[in-house]
N, C-alpha and C. Protein backbone atom coordinates (compact mmCIF):
# COMPACT_ATOMS: atom_id res chain seq x y z
N MET A 1 -6.61 -49.62 10.19
CA MET A 1 -5.91 -49.30 8.95
C MET A 1 -4.67 -48.46 9.29
N SER A 2 -3.55 -48.75 8.71
CA SER A 2 -2.33 -48.02 9.03
C SER A 2 -2.30 -46.67 8.32
N GLU A 3 -1.40 -45.82 8.83
CA GLU A 3 -1.24 -44.49 8.25
C GLU A 3 -0.78 -44.58 6.80
N ASP A 4 0.09 -45.56 6.50
CA ASP A 4 0.59 -45.74 5.13
C ASP A 4 -0.54 -46.07 4.17
N ASN A 5 -1.48 -46.92 4.61
CA ASN A 5 -2.61 -47.27 3.75
C ASN A 5 -3.49 -46.05 3.46
N ASN A 6 -3.72 -45.20 4.50
CA ASN A 6 -4.49 -43.96 4.29
C ASN A 6 -3.81 -43.08 3.26
N TYR A 7 -2.49 -42.96 3.39
CA TYR A 7 -1.73 -42.11 2.47
C TYR A 7 -1.88 -42.63 1.04
N ASN A 8 -1.76 -43.95 0.85
CA ASN A 8 -1.88 -44.54 -0.49
C ASN A 8 -3.28 -44.35 -1.07
N GLU A 9 -4.31 -44.46 -0.22
CA GLU A 9 -5.67 -44.25 -0.70
C GLU A 9 -5.86 -42.81 -1.17
N ASN A 10 -5.27 -41.86 -0.42
CA ASN A 10 -5.39 -40.45 -0.81
C ASN A 10 -4.66 -40.17 -2.12
N LEU A 11 -3.57 -40.88 -2.37
CA LEU A 11 -2.87 -40.68 -3.64
C LEU A 11 -3.71 -41.20 -4.80
N ASP A 12 -4.46 -42.29 -4.55
CA ASP A 12 -5.32 -42.84 -5.60
C ASP A 12 -6.44 -41.87 -5.95
N ASN A 13 -6.89 -41.08 -4.98
CA ASN A 13 -8.01 -40.18 -5.21
C ASN A 13 -7.73 -38.83 -4.54
N PRO A 14 -6.72 -38.07 -5.02
CA PRO A 14 -6.34 -36.82 -4.35
C PRO A 14 -7.47 -35.82 -4.38
N GLY A 15 -7.81 -35.30 -3.20
CA GLY A 15 -8.83 -34.27 -3.12
C GLY A 15 -10.22 -34.78 -3.43
N ASP A 16 -10.37 -36.10 -3.54
CA ASP A 16 -11.65 -36.71 -3.88
C ASP A 16 -12.21 -36.19 -5.19
N TYR A 17 -11.35 -35.78 -6.12
CA TYR A 17 -11.80 -35.33 -7.44
C TYR A 17 -11.76 -36.50 -8.40
N ASN A 18 -12.74 -36.57 -9.24
CA ASN A 18 -12.71 -37.57 -10.32
C ASN A 18 -13.45 -36.99 -11.50
N SER A 19 -13.61 -37.75 -12.52
CA SER A 19 -14.24 -37.24 -13.73
C SER A 19 -15.68 -36.83 -13.49
N LYS A 20 -16.27 -37.27 -12.39
CA LYS A 20 -17.66 -36.91 -12.09
C LYS A 20 -17.74 -35.89 -10.96
N SER A 21 -16.68 -35.14 -10.72
CA SER A 21 -16.69 -34.17 -9.62
C SER A 21 -17.68 -33.06 -9.93
N ASP A 22 -17.96 -32.28 -8.89
CA ASP A 22 -18.95 -31.21 -9.00
C ASP A 22 -18.34 -29.91 -9.53
N PHE A 23 -17.08 -29.94 -9.98
CA PHE A 23 -16.45 -28.72 -10.51
C PHE A 23 -17.25 -28.21 -11.70
N SER A 24 -17.61 -26.95 -11.65
CA SER A 24 -18.39 -26.36 -12.73
C SER A 24 -17.85 -24.97 -13.04
N LYS A 25 -17.33 -24.81 -14.24
CA LYS A 25 -16.81 -23.50 -14.62
C LYS A 25 -17.93 -22.47 -14.60
N ALA A 26 -19.12 -22.86 -15.02
CA ALA A 26 -20.26 -21.92 -15.01
C ALA A 26 -20.51 -21.40 -13.59
N GLU A 27 -20.35 -22.26 -12.60
CA GLU A 27 -20.56 -21.84 -11.21
C GLU A 27 -19.47 -20.87 -10.75
N ILE A 28 -18.23 -21.15 -11.15
CA ILE A 28 -17.13 -20.25 -10.79
C ILE A 28 -17.31 -18.89 -11.48
N VAL A 29 -17.71 -18.90 -12.73
CA VAL A 29 -17.99 -17.65 -13.45
C VAL A 29 -19.12 -16.90 -12.75
N ARG A 30 -20.16 -17.62 -12.35
CA ARG A 30 -21.29 -16.99 -11.66
C ARG A 30 -20.82 -16.30 -10.37
N GLN A 31 -19.96 -16.99 -9.61
CA GLN A 31 -19.45 -16.42 -8.36
C GLN A 31 -18.64 -15.15 -8.63
N GLN A 32 -17.81 -15.18 -9.69
CA GLN A 32 -16.99 -14.00 -9.98
C GLN A 32 -17.85 -12.86 -10.50
N VAL A 33 -18.86 -13.15 -11.30
CA VAL A 33 -19.79 -12.11 -11.77
C VAL A 33 -20.49 -11.48 -10.57
N SER A 34 -20.89 -12.31 -9.60
CA SER A 34 -21.52 -11.78 -8.37
C SER A 34 -20.56 -10.89 -7.62
N ARG A 35 -19.29 -11.30 -7.57
CA ARG A 35 -18.26 -10.49 -6.88
C ARG A 35 -18.09 -9.14 -7.57
N VAL A 36 -18.02 -9.15 -8.89
CA VAL A 36 -17.88 -7.90 -9.65
C VAL A 36 -19.08 -6.99 -9.37
N ASN A 37 -20.28 -7.56 -9.42
CA ASN A 37 -21.49 -6.76 -9.18
C ASN A 37 -21.55 -6.21 -7.76
N GLU A 38 -21.10 -7.02 -6.80
CA GLU A 38 -21.09 -6.58 -5.41
C GLU A 38 -20.16 -5.37 -5.23
N VAL A 39 -18.96 -5.48 -5.79
CA VAL A 39 -17.97 -4.40 -5.64
C VAL A 39 -18.44 -3.15 -6.38
N ARG A 40 -18.99 -3.32 -7.59
CA ARG A 40 -19.39 -2.16 -8.40
C ARG A 40 -20.66 -1.50 -7.89
N SER A 41 -21.46 -2.24 -7.12
CA SER A 41 -22.70 -1.67 -6.60
C SER A 41 -22.46 -0.65 -5.50
N LYS A 42 -21.25 -0.67 -4.96
CA LYS A 42 -20.90 0.28 -3.90
C LYS A 42 -20.31 1.55 -4.50
N GLU A 43 -20.31 2.59 -3.71
CA GLU A 43 -19.70 3.84 -4.15
C GLU A 43 -18.21 3.62 -4.39
N MET A 44 -17.72 4.12 -5.51
CA MET A 44 -16.30 4.01 -5.79
C MET A 44 -15.58 5.09 -4.98
N ARG A 45 -14.71 4.65 -4.09
CA ARG A 45 -14.04 5.55 -3.16
C ARG A 45 -12.55 5.61 -3.47
N GLU A 46 -12.01 6.80 -3.50
CA GLU A 46 -10.57 6.97 -3.69
C GLU A 46 -9.83 6.42 -2.48
N GLY A 47 -8.67 5.86 -2.72
CA GLY A 47 -7.82 5.45 -1.60
C GLY A 47 -7.19 6.69 -0.98
N TYR A 48 -6.88 6.61 0.30
CA TYR A 48 -6.24 7.75 0.96
C TYR A 48 -5.53 7.27 2.22
N TYR A 49 -4.67 8.12 2.73
CA TYR A 49 -3.95 7.81 3.96
C TYR A 49 -4.65 8.50 5.12
N ASN A 50 -4.67 7.81 6.26
CA ASN A 50 -5.27 8.34 7.47
C ASN A 50 -4.38 7.92 8.63
N PHE A 51 -4.77 8.29 9.83
CA PHE A 51 -4.00 7.91 11.01
C PHE A 51 -4.91 7.20 11.99
N ASP A 52 -4.40 6.11 12.59
CA ASP A 52 -5.20 5.41 13.59
C ASP A 52 -5.06 6.10 14.95
N ARG A 53 -5.68 5.53 15.98
CA ARG A 53 -5.67 6.15 17.31
C ARG A 53 -4.28 6.27 17.91
N LEU A 54 -3.36 5.43 17.44
CA LEU A 54 -1.99 5.48 17.97
C LEU A 54 -1.09 6.39 17.14
N GLY A 55 -1.66 7.00 16.10
CA GLY A 55 -0.88 7.90 15.26
C GLY A 55 -0.15 7.23 14.13
N ASN A 56 -0.41 5.93 13.91
CA ASN A 56 0.22 5.22 12.80
C ASN A 56 -0.48 5.57 11.50
N LYS A 57 0.31 5.78 10.46
CA LYS A 57 -0.24 6.09 9.14
C LYS A 57 -0.80 4.81 8.53
N VAL A 58 -2.08 4.84 8.12
CA VAL A 58 -2.71 3.67 7.53
C VAL A 58 -3.33 4.05 6.19
N TYR A 59 -3.34 3.09 5.28
CA TYR A 59 -3.91 3.33 3.95
C TYR A 59 -5.33 2.78 3.92
N VAL A 60 -6.27 3.60 3.52
CA VAL A 60 -7.65 3.17 3.32
C VAL A 60 -7.76 2.75 1.85
N PRO A 61 -8.08 1.46 1.59
CA PRO A 61 -8.04 0.94 0.22
C PRO A 61 -8.95 1.67 -0.76
N ASP A 62 -8.51 1.68 -2.01
CA ASP A 62 -9.20 2.32 -3.12
C ASP A 62 -10.17 1.31 -3.73
N THR A 63 -11.47 1.55 -3.61
CA THR A 63 -12.45 0.59 -4.13
C THR A 63 -12.44 0.55 -5.66
N ARG A 64 -11.94 1.59 -6.31
CA ARG A 64 -11.83 1.56 -7.77
C ARG A 64 -10.88 0.46 -8.19
N LYS A 65 -9.76 0.33 -7.48
CA LYS A 65 -8.78 -0.70 -7.81
C LYS A 65 -9.32 -2.10 -7.51
N GLU A 66 -10.14 -2.20 -6.46
CA GLU A 66 -10.77 -3.48 -6.13
C GLU A 66 -11.70 -3.92 -7.26
N PHE A 67 -12.49 -2.98 -7.80
CA PHE A 67 -13.40 -3.28 -8.90
C PHE A 67 -12.62 -3.72 -10.14
N ILE A 68 -11.58 -2.97 -10.48
CA ILE A 68 -10.77 -3.29 -11.67
C ILE A 68 -10.11 -4.66 -11.51
N SER A 69 -9.63 -4.98 -10.31
CA SER A 69 -9.04 -6.30 -10.07
C SER A 69 -10.07 -7.41 -10.23
N ALA A 70 -11.30 -7.17 -9.81
CA ALA A 70 -12.36 -8.17 -9.95
C ALA A 70 -12.66 -8.42 -11.43
N ILE A 71 -12.66 -7.36 -12.24
CA ILE A 71 -12.89 -7.51 -13.68
C ILE A 71 -11.73 -8.28 -14.32
N LYS A 72 -10.50 -7.96 -13.91
CA LYS A 72 -9.34 -8.66 -14.46
C LYS A 72 -9.41 -10.16 -14.13
N ALA A 73 -9.85 -10.48 -12.93
CA ALA A 73 -9.98 -11.89 -12.53
C ALA A 73 -11.04 -12.59 -13.40
N LEU A 74 -12.15 -11.91 -13.65
CA LEU A 74 -13.20 -12.48 -14.50
C LEU A 74 -12.68 -12.67 -15.93
N ARG A 75 -11.96 -11.68 -16.42
CA ARG A 75 -11.39 -11.75 -17.78
C ARG A 75 -10.42 -12.92 -17.90
N THR A 76 -9.59 -13.14 -16.89
CA THR A 76 -8.65 -14.25 -16.89
C THR A 76 -9.38 -15.59 -16.88
N LEU A 77 -10.43 -15.66 -16.10
CA LEU A 77 -11.25 -16.87 -16.02
C LEU A 77 -11.86 -17.23 -17.37
N LEU A 78 -12.19 -16.20 -18.16
CA LEU A 78 -12.85 -16.41 -19.45
C LEU A 78 -11.88 -16.41 -20.64
N GLU A 79 -10.59 -16.57 -20.37
CA GLU A 79 -9.58 -16.54 -21.44
C GLU A 79 -9.89 -17.50 -22.60
N PRO A 80 -10.27 -18.76 -22.36
CA PRO A 80 -10.56 -19.65 -23.49
C PRO A 80 -11.72 -19.13 -24.35
N GLU A 81 -12.73 -18.57 -23.71
CA GLU A 81 -13.88 -18.04 -24.45
C GLU A 81 -13.48 -16.80 -25.24
N VAL A 82 -12.62 -15.98 -24.65
CA VAL A 82 -12.13 -14.77 -25.33
C VAL A 82 -11.39 -15.15 -26.61
N LYS A 83 -10.56 -16.17 -26.54
CA LYS A 83 -9.77 -16.61 -27.70
C LYS A 83 -10.64 -17.09 -28.86
N ARG A 84 -11.86 -17.54 -28.53
CA ARG A 84 -12.76 -18.05 -29.58
C ARG A 84 -13.76 -17.01 -30.08
N ASP A 85 -13.75 -15.81 -29.50
CA ASP A 85 -14.79 -14.83 -29.80
C ASP A 85 -14.20 -13.55 -30.40
N GLU A 86 -14.26 -13.41 -31.71
CA GLU A 86 -13.67 -12.25 -32.38
C GLU A 86 -14.39 -10.95 -32.04
N THR A 87 -15.69 -11.03 -31.82
CA THR A 87 -16.46 -9.83 -31.46
C THR A 87 -15.91 -9.23 -30.18
N TYR A 88 -15.71 -10.08 -29.18
CA TYR A 88 -15.17 -9.60 -27.91
C TYR A 88 -13.77 -9.03 -28.10
N GLN A 89 -12.93 -9.73 -28.84
CA GLN A 89 -11.55 -9.31 -29.03
C GLN A 89 -11.47 -7.90 -29.63
N LYS A 90 -12.33 -7.61 -30.62
CA LYS A 90 -12.33 -6.28 -31.25
C LYS A 90 -12.73 -5.20 -30.27
N GLU A 91 -13.76 -5.47 -29.48
CA GLU A 91 -14.23 -4.47 -28.51
C GLU A 91 -13.20 -4.26 -27.39
N GLU A 92 -12.58 -5.35 -26.96
CA GLU A 92 -11.57 -5.23 -25.92
C GLU A 92 -10.39 -4.41 -26.40
N GLU A 93 -9.98 -4.60 -27.63
CA GLU A 93 -8.85 -3.85 -28.19
C GLU A 93 -9.12 -2.34 -28.16
N LYS A 94 -10.35 -1.95 -28.49
CA LYS A 94 -10.73 -0.52 -28.45
C LYS A 94 -10.58 0.02 -27.02
N ILE A 95 -11.06 -0.74 -26.06
CA ILE A 95 -11.01 -0.30 -24.66
C ILE A 95 -9.56 -0.22 -24.18
N LEU A 96 -8.74 -1.18 -24.55
CA LEU A 96 -7.32 -1.17 -24.16
C LEU A 96 -6.59 0.03 -24.75
N GLN A 97 -6.98 0.44 -25.95
CA GLN A 97 -6.39 1.64 -26.56
C GLN A 97 -6.76 2.90 -25.77
N GLU A 98 -8.00 2.95 -25.29
CA GLU A 98 -8.43 4.08 -24.46
C GLU A 98 -7.60 4.14 -23.18
N ILE A 99 -7.37 2.98 -22.58
CA ILE A 99 -6.58 2.92 -21.34
C ILE A 99 -5.15 3.38 -21.60
N LYS A 100 -4.60 2.96 -22.73
CA LYS A 100 -3.22 3.36 -23.09
C LYS A 100 -3.13 4.88 -23.26
N LYS A 101 -4.14 5.47 -23.91
CA LYS A 101 -4.14 6.93 -24.10
C LYS A 101 -4.29 7.67 -22.78
N ALA A 102 -4.94 7.04 -21.79
CA ALA A 102 -5.15 7.68 -20.49
C ALA A 102 -3.83 7.97 -19.79
N VAL A 103 -2.83 7.13 -20.01
CA VAL A 103 -1.52 7.38 -19.40
C VAL A 103 -0.92 8.65 -19.98
N GLU A 104 -1.12 8.88 -21.28
CA GLU A 104 -0.64 10.12 -21.89
C GLU A 104 -1.41 11.33 -21.35
N THR A 105 -2.70 11.16 -21.14
CA THR A 105 -3.54 12.27 -20.67
C THR A 105 -3.26 12.63 -19.22
N PHE A 106 -3.21 11.63 -18.34
CA PHE A 106 -3.11 11.89 -16.90
C PHE A 106 -1.71 11.66 -16.34
N GLY A 107 -0.82 11.09 -17.14
CA GLY A 107 0.52 10.80 -16.66
C GLY A 107 1.40 12.03 -16.59
N ILE A 108 2.52 11.89 -15.92
CA ILE A 108 3.49 12.99 -15.81
C ILE A 108 4.85 12.48 -16.26
N ASN A 109 5.70 13.42 -16.63
CA ASN A 109 7.08 13.09 -16.98
C ASN A 109 7.92 13.08 -15.71
N GLU A 110 9.01 12.38 -15.79
CA GLU A 110 9.93 12.29 -14.66
C GLU A 110 10.51 13.67 -14.34
N HIS A 111 10.58 14.00 -13.05
CA HIS A 111 11.15 15.27 -12.58
C HIS A 111 12.53 14.99 -11.99
N ASN A 112 13.57 15.58 -12.55
CA ASN A 112 14.93 15.40 -12.05
C ASN A 112 15.46 16.73 -11.53
N VAL A 113 16.22 16.66 -10.46
CA VAL A 113 16.81 17.87 -9.89
C VAL A 113 18.28 17.93 -10.30
N GLN A 114 18.66 19.08 -10.86
CA GLN A 114 20.07 19.35 -11.19
C GLN A 114 20.42 20.71 -10.62
N GLY A 115 21.22 20.67 -9.55
CA GLY A 115 21.55 21.92 -8.87
C GLY A 115 20.31 22.52 -8.23
N ASN A 116 19.97 23.73 -8.64
CA ASN A 116 18.79 24.41 -8.12
C ASN A 116 17.72 24.51 -9.21
N ARG A 117 17.69 23.51 -10.06
CA ARG A 117 16.71 23.50 -11.15
C ARG A 117 16.04 22.13 -11.25
N ILE A 118 14.84 22.14 -11.79
CA ILE A 118 14.13 20.89 -12.05
C ILE A 118 14.09 20.69 -13.55
N ILE A 119 14.55 19.54 -13.97
CA ILE A 119 14.53 19.18 -15.39
C ILE A 119 13.41 18.16 -15.58
N ILE A 120 12.45 18.50 -16.43
CA ILE A 120 11.35 17.58 -16.73
C ILE A 120 11.82 16.68 -17.86
N GLY A 121 11.95 15.39 -17.56
CA GLY A 121 12.44 14.44 -18.55
C GLY A 121 11.39 14.10 -19.60
N THR A 122 11.84 13.92 -20.81
CA THR A 122 10.92 13.51 -21.89
C THR A 122 11.41 12.25 -22.60
N SER A 123 12.56 11.72 -22.16
CA SER A 123 13.11 10.54 -22.84
C SER A 123 12.38 9.26 -22.44
N LYS A 124 11.81 9.24 -21.24
CA LYS A 124 11.07 8.07 -20.78
C LYS A 124 9.58 8.32 -20.95
N PRO A 125 8.79 7.24 -21.05
CA PRO A 125 7.34 7.43 -21.18
C PRO A 125 6.75 8.05 -19.91
N LYS A 126 5.61 8.70 -20.07
CA LYS A 126 4.91 9.25 -18.92
C LYS A 126 4.46 8.11 -18.01
N TYR A 127 4.24 8.46 -16.75
CA TYR A 127 3.75 7.47 -15.79
C TYR A 127 2.69 8.11 -14.90
N ILE A 128 1.88 7.26 -14.28
CA ILE A 128 0.87 7.74 -13.35
C ILE A 128 1.50 7.83 -11.97
N PRO A 129 1.53 9.02 -11.37
CA PRO A 129 2.14 9.14 -10.05
C PRO A 129 1.35 8.37 -9.00
N SER A 130 2.05 7.80 -8.04
CA SER A 130 1.35 7.10 -6.97
C SER A 130 0.80 8.13 -5.98
N LEU A 131 -0.16 7.69 -5.20
CA LEU A 131 -0.81 8.58 -4.24
C LEU A 131 0.22 9.06 -3.21
N GLY A 132 0.32 10.37 -3.06
CA GLY A 132 1.24 10.94 -2.09
C GLY A 132 2.69 10.94 -2.52
N GLU A 133 2.95 10.63 -3.79
CA GLU A 133 4.34 10.57 -4.26
C GLU A 133 5.01 11.93 -4.07
N VAL A 134 6.24 11.89 -3.56
CA VAL A 134 7.02 13.12 -3.33
C VAL A 134 7.70 13.50 -4.64
N ILE A 135 7.37 14.70 -5.13
CA ILE A 135 7.90 15.16 -6.41
C ILE A 135 8.50 16.55 -6.22
N PRO A 136 9.69 16.79 -6.79
CA PRO A 136 10.29 18.11 -6.65
C PRO A 136 9.55 19.16 -7.49
N VAL A 137 9.35 20.33 -6.89
CA VAL A 137 8.73 21.46 -7.58
C VAL A 137 9.51 22.73 -7.22
N MET A 138 9.36 23.73 -8.04
CA MET A 138 10.01 25.01 -7.75
C MET A 138 9.12 25.82 -6.82
N LYS A 139 9.74 26.40 -5.81
CA LYS A 139 9.01 27.17 -4.80
C LYS A 139 9.57 28.59 -4.78
N ASN A 140 8.67 29.57 -4.79
CA ASN A 140 9.09 30.97 -4.69
C ASN A 140 9.38 31.33 -3.24
N ILE A 141 10.52 31.95 -3.00
CA ILE A 141 10.86 32.47 -1.68
C ILE A 141 10.56 33.97 -1.73
N ASN A 142 9.61 34.40 -0.93
CA ASN A 142 9.14 35.79 -0.96
C ASN A 142 9.59 36.55 0.28
N LYS A 143 9.88 37.85 0.07
CA LYS A 143 10.11 38.78 1.17
C LYS A 143 9.23 39.99 0.92
N LYS A 144 8.35 40.24 1.87
CA LYS A 144 7.41 41.37 1.76
C LYS A 144 6.61 41.29 0.47
N GLY A 145 6.19 40.05 0.12
CA GLY A 145 5.34 39.85 -1.06
C GLY A 145 6.07 39.87 -2.39
N ILE A 146 7.38 39.97 -2.35
CA ILE A 146 8.16 40.00 -3.59
C ILE A 146 9.04 38.75 -3.65
N CYS A 147 9.00 38.09 -4.80
CA CYS A 147 9.81 36.89 -4.99
C CYS A 147 11.28 37.28 -5.11
N VAL A 148 12.08 36.77 -4.17
CA VAL A 148 13.51 37.09 -4.21
C VAL A 148 14.34 35.98 -4.84
N ARG A 149 13.81 34.76 -4.77
CA ARG A 149 14.51 33.64 -5.42
C ARG A 149 13.57 32.44 -5.48
N GLU A 150 14.00 31.46 -6.28
CA GLU A 150 13.27 30.19 -6.36
C GLU A 150 14.19 29.09 -5.85
N GLU A 151 13.60 28.10 -5.24
CA GLU A 151 14.39 26.94 -4.82
C GLU A 151 13.55 25.67 -4.97
N VAL A 152 14.25 24.56 -5.00
CA VAL A 152 13.58 23.27 -5.15
C VAL A 152 12.95 22.87 -3.82
N ASP A 153 11.71 22.41 -3.91
CA ASP A 153 11.03 21.90 -2.72
C ASP A 153 10.45 20.53 -3.08
N TYR A 154 10.44 19.62 -2.14
CA TYR A 154 9.89 18.28 -2.37
C TYR A 154 8.51 18.20 -1.73
N VAL A 155 7.50 18.09 -2.57
CA VAL A 155 6.11 18.16 -2.11
C VAL A 155 5.41 16.81 -2.30
N PRO A 156 4.90 16.24 -1.21
CA PRO A 156 4.15 15.00 -1.35
C PRO A 156 2.75 15.26 -1.90
N GLY A 157 2.34 14.44 -2.85
CA GLY A 157 0.97 14.51 -3.35
C GLY A 157 0.63 15.64 -4.27
N VAL A 158 1.65 16.33 -4.81
CA VAL A 158 1.37 17.47 -5.68
C VAL A 158 0.60 17.05 -6.94
N TYR A 159 0.76 15.77 -7.34
CA TYR A 159 0.05 15.26 -8.52
C TYR A 159 -1.03 14.24 -8.15
N ASN A 160 -1.57 14.33 -6.94
CA ASN A 160 -2.63 13.40 -6.53
C ASN A 160 -3.85 13.49 -7.45
N ARG A 161 -4.15 14.68 -7.95
CA ARG A 161 -5.33 14.83 -8.82
C ARG A 161 -5.15 14.01 -10.10
N ASN A 162 -3.93 14.00 -10.65
CA ASN A 162 -3.66 13.17 -11.83
C ASN A 162 -3.92 11.70 -11.51
N HIS A 163 -3.44 11.28 -10.35
CA HIS A 163 -3.62 9.89 -9.90
C HIS A 163 -5.11 9.54 -9.84
N HIS A 164 -5.89 10.39 -9.18
CA HIS A 164 -7.32 10.10 -9.02
C HIS A 164 -8.09 10.19 -10.34
N ASN A 165 -7.76 11.16 -11.17
CA ASN A 165 -8.44 11.28 -12.47
C ASN A 165 -8.19 10.04 -13.34
N TYR A 166 -6.97 9.54 -13.28
CA TYR A 166 -6.63 8.33 -14.04
C TYR A 166 -7.48 7.15 -13.59
N TRP A 167 -7.55 6.92 -12.28
CA TRP A 167 -8.31 5.78 -11.77
C TRP A 167 -9.81 5.95 -11.98
N ASP A 168 -10.31 7.19 -11.91
CA ASP A 168 -11.73 7.43 -12.24
C ASP A 168 -12.01 7.05 -13.69
N PHE A 169 -11.10 7.44 -14.57
CA PHE A 169 -11.25 7.12 -15.99
C PHE A 169 -11.20 5.61 -16.21
N LEU A 170 -10.29 4.94 -15.50
CA LEU A 170 -10.19 3.48 -15.63
C LEU A 170 -11.48 2.78 -15.21
N VAL A 171 -12.16 3.29 -14.21
CA VAL A 171 -13.44 2.70 -13.80
C VAL A 171 -14.42 2.73 -14.97
N GLU A 172 -14.46 3.85 -15.69
CA GLU A 172 -15.34 3.95 -16.86
C GLU A 172 -14.95 2.92 -17.92
N CYS A 173 -13.65 2.77 -18.16
CA CYS A 173 -13.18 1.80 -19.16
C CYS A 173 -13.52 0.37 -18.74
N TYR A 174 -13.34 0.06 -17.46
CA TYR A 174 -13.63 -1.29 -16.99
C TYR A 174 -15.12 -1.55 -16.88
N ASP A 175 -15.93 -0.51 -16.75
CA ASP A 175 -17.38 -0.68 -16.88
C ASP A 175 -17.72 -1.19 -18.29
N LYS A 176 -17.07 -0.59 -19.28
CA LYS A 176 -17.28 -1.03 -20.68
C LYS A 176 -16.80 -2.47 -20.87
N LEU A 177 -15.65 -2.77 -20.28
CA LEU A 177 -15.12 -4.13 -20.39
C LEU A 177 -16.05 -5.13 -19.72
N ASN A 178 -16.59 -4.75 -18.58
CA ASN A 178 -17.54 -5.60 -17.87
C ASN A 178 -18.77 -5.88 -18.74
N SER A 179 -19.24 -4.86 -19.42
CA SER A 179 -20.39 -5.01 -20.32
C SER A 179 -20.06 -6.00 -21.43
N GLN A 180 -18.86 -5.89 -21.99
CA GLN A 180 -18.45 -6.81 -23.06
C GLN A 180 -18.30 -8.24 -22.53
N LEU A 181 -17.79 -8.38 -21.31
CA LEU A 181 -17.66 -9.71 -20.71
C LEU A 181 -19.03 -10.33 -20.46
N SER A 182 -20.00 -9.50 -20.07
CA SER A 182 -21.37 -9.99 -19.86
C SER A 182 -21.95 -10.52 -21.17
N SER A 183 -21.69 -9.80 -22.26
CA SER A 183 -22.17 -10.25 -23.56
C SER A 183 -21.48 -11.55 -23.98
N LEU A 184 -20.19 -11.65 -23.68
CA LEU A 184 -19.44 -12.87 -23.98
C LEU A 184 -20.01 -14.06 -23.21
N ILE A 185 -20.29 -13.85 -21.93
CA ILE A 185 -20.87 -14.91 -21.09
C ILE A 185 -22.23 -15.33 -21.65
N ASP A 186 -22.99 -14.36 -22.12
CA ASP A 186 -24.30 -14.66 -22.70
C ASP A 186 -24.14 -15.50 -23.97
N ARG A 187 -23.18 -15.11 -24.83
CA ARG A 187 -22.95 -15.88 -26.06
C ARG A 187 -22.46 -17.29 -25.75
N ALA A 188 -21.71 -17.44 -24.65
CA ALA A 188 -21.21 -18.76 -24.26
C ALA A 188 -22.30 -19.61 -23.60
N LYS A 189 -23.45 -19.00 -23.35
CA LYS A 189 -24.62 -19.70 -22.77
C LYS A 189 -24.29 -20.40 -21.45
N TYR A 190 -23.56 -19.68 -20.60
CA TYR A 190 -23.24 -20.24 -19.29
C TYR A 190 -24.47 -20.33 -18.39
N PHE A 191 -25.31 -19.32 -18.49
CA PHE A 191 -26.45 -19.27 -17.58
C PHE A 191 -27.73 -19.49 -18.36
N LYS A 192 -28.26 -20.68 -18.22
CA LYS A 192 -29.50 -21.01 -18.90
C LYS A 192 -30.68 -20.57 -18.03
N GLU A 193 -31.69 -20.05 -18.67
CA GLU A 193 -32.87 -19.64 -17.91
C GLU A 193 -33.62 -20.88 -17.46
N GLU A 194 -34.03 -20.86 -16.21
CA GLU A 194 -34.81 -21.95 -15.68
C GLU A 194 -36.22 -21.46 -15.39
N ILE A 195 -37.19 -22.27 -15.71
CA ILE A 195 -38.58 -21.90 -15.43
C ILE A 195 -38.94 -22.52 -14.09
N SER A 196 -39.39 -21.68 -13.17
CA SER A 196 -39.80 -22.21 -11.88
C SER A 196 -41.25 -21.82 -11.63
N TYR A 197 -41.91 -22.69 -10.92
CA TYR A 197 -43.32 -22.47 -10.64
C TYR A 197 -43.54 -22.35 -9.14
């Protein structure tokens, strides 16, 4: 058989998929639910920077973000079911409002330097600082325990606690979202109980 004939046969049946293929959305949902459970069953660890044996700065991944990404993937997979389920939509809206408020609670305003002063901006919305973000702060210059002047200093990670508190709070919110997605999956009857002997 020539190469051209093989190519034409593959075009007739690309990927060997047909109307009777083994593709099962329930199976894909099951795999993603297993992934979410696997990630959430582990201790949620903050991301941080460390150094390898050669002195290179390396980032140790944040398992909280991994869990949240797994939930987002499951939510995307269930988009058609979400659109048909008003109960889920109402509960999700409540959770999304909590997440929105978290930015106000844990976020910071932009810090701008003008001369030897720091101006805290309020015209832009608050944001969650990234881990280790360098932010200008005022530093006291002391002589013999007495402050003689203040000057601007750029400090990495001064707002790391805000960063971590925000992501800890998001884990709680996504736990709630995961619970709602589980109820949605149950209502969609993806997983039928099987009796085995």
